[in-house]
């Protein structure tokens, strides 16, 4: 199992037309937790991996988590900007915990922010503790 940081910019990214902010993602975790997420490249994700959602604004922090439920696949129809998709399920309890006590950028040791990157071992301990996992 691997843990990934998945970057969401609430000012640019949407879920079916809704902003990808902390409130929307938390609501989705309880009402419609199945997500189809976009990827710019095919990562080595596998079912059972975790995605930790890093919100770029208004605060730079992780405040939601999901389980990957399938391997990345090519987008249909083709998408030149985000050619791959991956299916995931938001975890309501851990997302509530992170929403209430998010993990900031400094605790994650993030230097450069990319769309998806592996979680550093030191940051994983903090994420797991705050999410109650």
C-alpha atoms as a PDB file:
ATOM      1  CA  UNK A   1       0.000   0.000   0.000  1.00  0.00           C
ATOM      2  CA  UNK A   2       1.202   3.499  -0.849  1.00  0.00           C
ATOM      3  CA  UNK A   3       0.066   6.906   0.323  1.00  0.00           C
ATOM      4  CA  UNK A   4      -0.229   9.823  -2.090  1.00  0.00           C
ATOM      5  CA  UNK A   5      -0.783  13.564  -1.762  1.00  0.00           C
ATOM      6  CA  UNK A   6      -3.477  14.668  -4.201  1.00  0.00           C
ATOM      7  CA  UNK A   7      -3.486  18.423  -4.815  1.00  0.00           C
ATOM      8  CA  UNK A   8      -6.789  20.304  -5.121  1.00  0.00           C
ATOM      9  CA  UNK A   9      -6.987  23.976  -5.972  1.00  0.00           C
ATOM     10  CA  UNK A  10     -10.484  25.104  -4.945  1.00  0.00           C
ATOM     11  CA  UNK A  11     -10.127  28.137  -7.237  1.00  0.00           C
ATOM     12  CA  UNK A  12      -9.620  25.953 -10.355  1.00  0.00           C
ATOM     13  CA  UNK A  13     -10.675  22.351  -9.694  1.00  0.00           C
ATOM     14  CA  UNK A  14     -14.304  21.239  -9.448  1.00  0.00           C
ATOM     15  CA  UNK A  15     -16.337  18.111  -8.693  1.00  0.00           C
ATOM     16  CA  UNK A  16     -19.236  18.080 -11.146  1.00  0.00           C
ATOM     17  CA  UNK A  17     -19.277  21.878 -11.188  1.00  0.00           C
ATOM     18  CA  UNK A  18     -18.930  22.289  -7.424  1.00  0.00           C
ATOM     19  CA  UNK A  19     -15.799  23.857  -5.936  1.00  0.00           C
ATOM     20  CA  UNK A  20     -13.257  21.379  -4.592  1.00  0.00           C
ATOM     21  CA  UNK A  21     -13.035  23.079  -1.221  1.00  0.00           C
ATOM     22  CA  UNK A  22     -12.889  21.403   2.196  1.00  0.00           C
ATOM     23  CA  UNK A  23     -16.611  21.851   2.850  1.00  0.00           C
ATOM     24  CA  UNK A  24     -17.658  20.288  -0.461  1.00  0.00           C
ATOM     25  CA  UNK A  25     -15.301  17.330  -0.090  1.00  0.00           C
ATOM     26  CA  UNK A  26     -16.446  16.707   3.467  1.00  0.00           C
ATOM     27  CA  UNK A  27     -20.094  16.775   2.353  1.00  0.00           C
ATOM     28  CA  UNK A  28     -19.295  14.378  -0.506  1.00  0.00           C
ATOM     29  CA  UNK A  29     -17.577  12.015   1.937  1.00  0.00           C
ATOM     30  CA  UNK A  30     -20.951  11.545   3.627  1.00  0.00           C
ATOM     31  CA  UNK A  31     -23.409  11.836   0.738  1.00  0.00           C
ATOM     32  CA  UNK A  32     -21.591  10.721  -2.438  1.00  0.00           C
ATOM     33  CA  UNK A  33     -18.139   9.335  -1.545  1.00  0.00           C
ATOM     34  CA  UNK A  34     -17.317   7.707  -4.908  1.00  0.00           C
ATOM     35  CA  UNK A  35     -15.000   9.918  -6.978  1.00  0.00           C
ATOM     36  CA  UNK A  36     -13.438   9.768 -10.419  1.00  0.00           C
ATOM     37  CA  UNK A  37     -10.245  11.808 -10.113  1.00  0.00           C
ATOM     38  CA  UNK A  38      -8.019  13.162 -12.870  1.00  0.00           C
ATOM     39  CA  UNK A  39      -4.308  12.477 -13.273  1.00  0.00           C
ATOM     40  CA  UNK A  40      -1.778  14.132 -15.564  1.00  0.00           C
ATOM     41  CA  UNK A  41       0.264  10.924 -15.759  1.00  0.00           C
ATOM     42  CA  UNK A  42      -0.267   7.267 -14.999  1.00  0.00           C
ATOM     43  CA  UNK A  43       0.962   6.784 -11.450  1.00  0.00           C
ATOM     44  CA  UNK A  44       1.719   3.424  -9.941  1.00  0.00           C
ATOM     45  CA  UNK A  45      -1.405   3.488  -7.849  1.00  0.00           C
ATOM     46  CA  UNK A  46      -3.132   0.314  -6.824  1.00  0.00           C
ATOM     47  CA  UNK A  47      -6.402  -0.533  -5.122  1.00  0.00           C
ATOM     48  CA  UNK A  48      -5.989  -0.004  -1.380  1.00  0.00           C
ATOM     49  CA  UNK A  49      -3.607   2.937  -1.750  1.00  0.00           C
ATOM     50  CA  UNK A  50      -4.630   6.142   0.044  1.00  0.00           C
ATOM     51  CA  UNK A  51      -5.081   9.644  -1.360  1.00  0.00           C
ATOM     52  CA  UNK A  52      -4.617  12.520   1.068  1.00  0.00           C
ATOM     53  CA  UNK A  53      -6.286  15.664  -0.293  1.00  0.00           C
ATOM     54  CA  UNK A  54      -4.104  18.759  -0.022  1.00  0.00           C
ATOM     55  CA  UNK A  55      -6.151  21.940  -0.473  1.00  0.00           C
ATOM     56  CA  UNK A  56      -4.094  24.836  -1.822  1.00  0.00           C
ATOM     57  CA  UNK A  57      -6.376  27.568  -0.474  1.00  0.00           C
ATOM     58  CA  UNK A  58      -7.504  29.352   1.566  1.00  0.00           C
ATOM     59  CA  UNK A  59      -5.083  27.413   3.799  1.00  0.00           C
ATOM     60  CA  UNK A  60      -2.504  24.977   2.407  1.00  0.00           C
ATOM     61  CA  UNK A  61      -3.417  21.791   4.258  1.00  0.00           C
ATOM     62  CA  UNK A  62      -4.571  18.180   4.063  1.00  0.00           C
ATOM     63  CA  UNK A  63      -8.183  17.943   5.194  1.00  0.00           C
ATOM     64  CA  UNK A  64      -9.628  14.796   3.546  1.00  0.00           C
ATOM     65  CA  UNK A  65      -8.644  11.216   2.688  1.00  0.00           C
ATOM     66  CA  UNK A  66      -9.834   8.515   0.280  1.00  0.00           C
ATOM     67  CA  UNK A  67      -9.031   4.935  -0.650  1.00  0.00           C
ATOM     68  CA  UNK A  68      -8.064   4.130  -4.236  1.00  0.00           C
ATOM     69  CA  UNK A  69     -10.456   1.474  -5.538  1.00  0.00           C
ATOM     70  CA  UNK A  70      -8.971   0.777  -8.971  1.00  0.00           C
ATOM     71  CA  UNK A  71      -5.851   1.209 -11.073  1.00  0.00           C
ATOM     72  CA  UNK A  72      -5.456   4.395 -13.126  1.00  0.00           C
ATOM     73  CA  UNK A  73      -6.994   4.171 -16.604  1.00  0.00           C
ATOM     74  CA  UNK A  74      -7.084   6.305 -19.747  1.00  0.00           C
ATOM     75  CA  UNK A  75      -9.725   9.004 -19.855  1.00  0.00           C
ATOM     76  CA  UNK A  76     -12.580   8.507 -22.304  1.00  0.00           C
ATOM     77  CA  UNK A  77     -13.013  10.712 -24.184  1.00  0.00           C
ATOM     78  CA  UNK A  78      -9.320  11.562 -24.439  1.00  0.00           C
ATOM     79  CA  UNK A  79      -8.143  14.516 -22.350  1.00  0.00           C
ATOM     80  CA  UNK A  80      -4.785  16.061 -23.281  1.00  0.00           C
ATOM     81  CA  UNK A  81      -4.343  17.891 -19.977  1.00  0.00           C
ATOM     82  CA  UNK A  82      -5.365  15.016 -17.671  1.00  0.00           C
ATOM     83  CA  UNK A  83      -5.181  11.830 -19.776  1.00  0.00           C
ATOM     84  CA  UNK A  84      -5.778   9.421 -16.875  1.00  0.00           C
ATOM     85  CA  UNK A  85      -8.421   8.838 -14.235  1.00  0.00           C
ATOM     86  CA  UNK A  86      -8.500   6.888 -10.982  1.00  0.00           C
ATOM     87  CA  UNK A  87     -11.504   5.878  -8.911  1.00  0.00           C
ATOM     88  CA  UNK A  88     -11.491   6.475  -5.160  1.00  0.00           C
ATOM     89  CA  UNK A  89     -13.851   6.462  -2.194  1.00  0.00           C
ATOM     90  CA  UNK A  90     -13.767   9.239   0.389  1.00  0.00           C
ATOM     91  CA  UNK A  91     -13.549   8.035   4.007  1.00  0.00           C
ATOM     92  CA  UNK A  92     -16.138   9.956   6.086  1.00  0.00           C
ATOM     93  CA  UNK A  93     -14.764   9.449   9.622  1.00  0.00           C
ATOM     94  CA  UNK A  94     -11.112  10.160   8.817  1.00  0.00           C
ATOM     95  CA  UNK A  95     -12.159  13.095   6.603  1.00  0.00           C
ATOM     96  CA  UNK A  96     -14.176  14.570   9.489  1.00  0.00           C
ATOM     97  CA  UNK A  97     -11.128  14.201  11.753  1.00  0.00           C
ATOM     98  CA  UNK A  98      -8.846  15.919   9.233  1.00  0.00           C
ATOM     99  CA  UNK A  99     -11.411  18.627   8.547  1.00  0.00           C
ATOM    100  CA  UNK A 100     -11.410  19.464  12.258  1.00  0.00           C
ATOM    101  CA  UNK A 101      -7.641  19.160  12.663  1.00  0.00           C
ATOM    102  CA  UNK A 102      -5.950  19.512   9.239  1.00  0.00           C
ATOM    103  CA  UNK A 103      -2.278  18.852   8.531  1.00  0.00           C
ATOM    104  CA  UNK A 104      -0.453  21.951   7.275  1.00  0.00           C
ATOM    105  CA  UNK A 105       2.145  22.253   4.576  1.00  0.00           C
ATOM    106  CA  UNK A 106       5.045  22.559   7.047  1.00  0.00           C
ATOM    107  CA  UNK A 107       4.137  19.258   8.734  1.00  0.00           C
ATOM    108  CA  UNK A 108       4.076  17.562   5.327  1.00  0.00           C
ATOM    109  CA  UNK A 109       7.539  18.728   4.287  1.00  0.00           C
ATOM    110  CA  UNK A 110       6.248  19.764   0.860  1.00  0.00           C
ATOM    111  CA  UNK A 111       8.638  21.838  -1.182  1.00  0.00           C
ATOM    112  CA  UNK A 112       7.250  21.734  -4.706  1.00  0.00           C
ATOM    113  CA  UNK A 113       3.552  21.140  -5.141  1.00  0.00           C
ATOM    114  CA  UNK A 114       2.666  18.769  -7.977  1.00  0.00           C
ATOM    115  CA  UNK A 115      -0.660  17.205  -8.831  1.00  0.00           C
ATOM    116  CA  UNK A 116       0.173  13.860  -7.182  1.00  0.00           C
ATOM    117  CA  UNK A 117       3.187  12.811  -5.146  1.00  0.00           C
ATOM    118  CA  UNK A 118       4.064  10.191  -2.578  1.00  0.00           C
ATOM    119  CA  UNK A 119       3.708  11.023   1.101  1.00  0.00           C
ATOM    120  CA  UNK A 120       6.995  11.326   2.971  1.00  0.00           C
ATOM    121  CA  UNK A 121       7.405   8.790   5.820  1.00  0.00           C
ATOM    122  CA  UNK A 122       7.563  11.454   8.554  1.00  0.00           C
ATOM    123  CA  UNK A 123       4.418  13.136   7.260  1.00  0.00           C
ATOM    124  CA  UNK A 124       2.555   9.830   7.072  1.00  0.00           C
ATOM    125  CA  UNK A 125       2.729   9.382  10.837  1.00  0.00           C
ATOM    126  CA  UNK A 126       1.141  12.795  11.350  1.00  0.00           C
ATOM    127  CA  UNK A 127      -1.555  12.180   8.707  1.00  0.00           C
ATOM    128  CA  UNK A 128      -2.507   8.804  10.162  1.00  0.00           C
ATOM    129  CA  UNK A 129      -2.694  10.201  13.691  1.00  0.00           C
ATOM    130  CA  UNK A 130      -4.841  13.202  12.728  1.00  0.00           C
ATOM    131  CA  UNK A 131      -7.156  11.016  10.623  1.00  0.00           C
ATOM    132  CA  UNK A 132      -7.516   8.480  13.406  1.00  0.00           C
ATOM    133  CA  UNK A 133      -6.218   5.652  11.233  1.00  0.00           C
END
